[in-house]
C-alpha atoms as a PDB file:
ATOM      1  CA  MET A   1      -0.147  -0.026  -0.006  1.00  0.00           C
ATOM      2  CA  THR A   2       1.368   3.261  -0.991  1.00  0.00           C
ATOM      3  CA  VAL A   3       1.119   6.412   1.349  1.00  0.00           C
ATOM      4  CA  SER A   4      -1.323   7.803  -0.794  1.00  0.00           C
ATOM      5  CA  GLU A   5      -3.550   4.793  -0.623  1.00  0.00           C
ATOM      6  CA  ARG A   6      -3.118   4.417   3.332  1.00  0.00           C
ATOM      7  CA  PRO A   7      -6.357   5.469   4.892  1.00  0.00           C
ATOM      8  CA  TYR A   8      -6.455   8.054   7.631  1.00  0.00           C
ATOM      9  CA  HIS A   9      -8.181   6.199  10.279  1.00  0.00           C
ATOM     10  CA  HIS A  10      -5.803   4.906  12.896  1.00  0.00           C
ATOM     11  CA  GLY A  11      -8.040   4.182  15.817  1.00  0.00           C
ATOM     12  CA  ASN A  12      -6.782   6.620  18.404  1.00  0.00           C
ATOM     13  CA  LEU A  13      -3.956   8.540  16.576  1.00  0.00           C
ATOM     14  CA  ARG A  14      -3.991  11.210  19.371  1.00  0.00           C
ATOM     15  CA  ALA A  15      -3.209   8.539  22.163  1.00  0.00           C
ATOM     16  CA  ALA A  16      -0.635   6.979  19.824  1.00  0.00           C
ATOM     17  CA  LEU A  17       1.110  10.099  19.145  1.00  0.00           C
ATOM     18  CA  LEU A  18       1.179  11.083  22.797  1.00  0.00           C
ATOM     19  CA  ALA A  19       2.731   7.432  23.791  1.00  0.00           C
ATOM     20  CA  ALA A  20       5.377   7.847  21.032  1.00  0.00           C
ATOM     21  CA  ALA A  21       6.303  11.329  21.924  1.00  0.00           C
ATOM     22  CA  GLU A  22       6.679  10.352  25.697  1.00  0.00           C
ATOM     23  CA  GLN A  23       8.779   7.555  24.710  1.00  0.00           C
ATOM     24  CA  THR A  24      10.937   9.811  22.541  1.00  0.00           C
ATOM     25  CA  LEU A  25      11.034  12.360  25.214  1.00  0.00           C
ATOM     26  CA  SER A  26      12.301   9.845  27.688  1.00  0.00           C
ATOM     27  CA  GLN A  27      14.946   8.287  25.478  1.00  0.00           C
ATOM     28  CA  GLU A  28      16.182  11.113  23.424  1.00  0.00           C
ATOM     29  CA  GLY A  29      14.952  14.530  24.818  1.00  0.00           C
ATOM     30  CA  ALA A  30      12.760  17.381  23.506  1.00  0.00           C
ATOM     31  CA  GLY A  31      15.296  18.464  20.848  1.00  0.00           C
ATOM     32  CA  GLU A  32      14.719  15.016  18.991  1.00  0.00           C
ATOM     33  CA  LEU A  33      10.854  15.377  19.058  1.00  0.00           C
ATOM     34  CA  SER A  34       9.230  16.179  15.741  1.00  0.00           C
ATOM     35  CA  LEU A  35       5.559  15.693  14.537  1.00  0.00           C
ATOM     36  CA  ARG A  36       6.888  14.227  11.295  1.00  0.00           C
ATOM     37  CA  GLU A  37       8.915  11.560  12.973  1.00  0.00           C
ATOM     38  CA  LEU A  38       6.084  10.732  15.373  1.00  0.00           C
ATOM     39  CA  ALA A  39       3.863  10.320  12.398  1.00  0.00           C
ATOM     40  CA  ARG A  40       6.387   7.818  10.597  1.00  0.00           C
ATOM     41  CA  GLN A  41       6.617   5.864  14.017  1.00  0.00           C
ATOM     42  CA  VAL A  42       2.878   5.459  14.365  1.00  0.00           C
ATOM     43  CA  GLY A  43       2.438   4.839  10.716  1.00  0.00           C
ATOM     44  CA  VAL A  44       0.403   7.689   9.336  1.00  0.00           C
ATOM     45  CA  SER A  45       1.195  10.553   6.906  1.00  0.00           C
ATOM     46  CA  HIS A  46       3.207  13.400   8.054  1.00  0.00           C
ATOM     47  CA  ALA A  47       0.187  15.720   7.882  1.00  0.00           C
ATOM     48  CA  ALA A  48      -1.994  13.451  10.124  1.00  0.00           C
ATOM     49  CA  PRO A  49      -0.637  14.656  13.450  1.00  0.00           C
ATOM     50  CA  ARG A  50      -1.880  18.160  12.627  1.00  0.00           C
ATOM     51  CA  ARG A  51      -5.541  16.921  12.984  1.00  0.00           C
ATOM     52  CA  HIS A  52      -4.757  16.785  16.634  1.00  0.00           C
ATOM     53  CA  PHE A  53      -1.902  19.141  17.447  1.00  0.00           C
ATOM     54  CA  ALA A  54      -1.364  22.515  15.671  1.00  0.00           C
ATOM     55  CA  GLY A  55       2.476  22.126  16.251  1.00  0.00           C
ATOM     56  CA  LYS A  56       5.185  20.573  18.518  1.00  0.00           C
ATOM     57  CA  GLN A  57       4.397  22.899  21.368  1.00  0.00           C
ATOM     58  CA  ALA A  58       0.627  21.942  21.315  1.00  0.00           C
ATOM     59  CA  LEU A  59       1.659  18.172  21.403  1.00  0.00           C
ATOM     60  CA  LEU A  60       4.171  18.990  24.466  1.00  0.00           C
ATOM     61  CA  ASP A  61       1.257  20.917  26.234  1.00  0.00           C
ATOM     62  CA  ALA A  62      -1.092  17.869  25.520  1.00  0.00           C
ATOM     63  CA  LEU A  63       1.548  15.629  26.873  1.00  0.00           C
ATOM     64  CA  ALA A  64       2.122  17.712  29.977  1.00  0.00           C
ATOM     65  CA  GLU A  65      -1.601  17.825  30.534  1.00  0.00           C
ATOM     66  CA  ASP A  66      -1.943  14.138  30.185  1.00  0.00           C
ATOM     67  CA  GLY A  67       0.821  13.519  32.744  1.00  0.00           C
ATOM     68  CA  PHE A  68      -0.560  15.766  35.370  1.00  0.00           C
ATOM     69  CA  GLU A  69      -3.933  14.017  34.765  1.00  0.00           C
ATOM     70  CA  ARG A  70      -2.368  10.549  35.283  1.00  0.00           C
ATOM     71  CA  LEU A  71      -0.407  11.928  38.267  1.00  0.00           C
ATOM     72  CA  GLY A  72      -3.738  13.016  39.847  1.00  0.00           C
ATOM     73  CA  ASP A  73      -5.663   9.929  39.316  1.00  0.00           C
ATOM     74  CA  GLY A  74      -2.754   7.927  41.052  1.00  0.00           C
ATOM     75  CA  LEU A  75      -2.669  10.363  43.952  1.00  0.00           C
ATOM     76  CA  ARG A  76      -6.488  10.110  44.495  1.00  0.00           C
ATOM     77  CA  THR A  77      -6.239   6.405  44.224  1.00  0.00           C
ATOM     78  CA  ALA A  78      -3.352   5.952  46.716  1.00  0.00           C
ATOM     79  CA  LEU A  79      -5.156   8.172  49.093  1.00  0.00           C
ATOM     80  CA  ALA A  80      -8.606   6.512  48.868  1.00  0.00           C
ATOM     81  CA  GLU A  81      -6.751   3.043  49.425  1.00  0.00           C
ATOM     82  CA  ALA A  82      -4.671   4.456  52.369  1.00  0.00           C
ATOM     83  CA  GLY A  83      -7.505   4.841  54.754  1.00  0.00           C
ATOM     84  CA  PRO A  84      -8.235   7.608  57.187  1.00  0.00           C
ATOM     85  CA  GLY A  85      -5.075   8.103  59.293  1.00  0.00           C
ATOM     86  CA  PHE A  86      -2.631  10.886  58.393  1.00  0.00           C
ATOM     87  CA  ALA A  87       0.559   8.702  58.419  1.00  0.00           C
ATOM     88  CA  PRO A  88      -0.718   6.109  56.061  1.00  0.00           C
ATOM     89  CA  ARG A  89      -2.086   8.751  53.736  1.00  0.00           C
ATOM     90  CA  LEU A  90       1.022  10.843  53.746  1.00  0.00           C
ATOM     91  CA  ARG A  91       3.016   7.560  53.051  1.00  0.00           C
ATOM     92  CA  ALA A  92       0.571   6.382  50.188  1.00  0.00           C
ATOM     93  CA  PHE A  93       0.883  10.085  48.810  1.00  0.00           C
ATOM     94  CA  ALA A  94       4.572  10.024  48.811  1.00  0.00           C
ATOM     95  CA  HIS A  95       4.822   6.586  47.257  1.00  0.00           C
ATOM     96  CA  ALA A  96       2.213   7.531  44.673  1.00  0.00           C
ATOM     97  CA  ARG A  97       4.019  10.701  43.753  1.00  0.00           C
ATOM     98  CA  LEU A  98       7.559   9.020  43.233  1.00  0.00           C
ATOM     99  CA  ARG A  99       5.919   6.130  41.218  1.00  0.00           C
ATOM    100  CA  PRO A 100       6.030   6.189  37.510  1.00  0.00           C
ATOM    101  CA  THR A 101       2.716   7.010  36.064  1.00  0.00           C
ATOM    102  CA  ARG A 102       2.714   4.695  33.030  1.00  0.00           C
END
């Protein structure tokens, strides 16, 4: 199948781009992050990411927002599971804060 024959529909392109961006950032840093390369990695045309992100900064902003949402979810879960006491809640909060969110 040629690039022009490739259908746009990816499933969840936004999530795939965010996952690929997170991996690129952790392995290579922000300087190596490009929408064109992310598109290649997830198997879509170089223009497809623009349907979700106006540019690299918009992708980085969405990635940060996603990370903070995951952190918040993890902290809320840890606090809910810790019980009512201050010490267990503080310990659970600290552990959840230091734990990777993916």
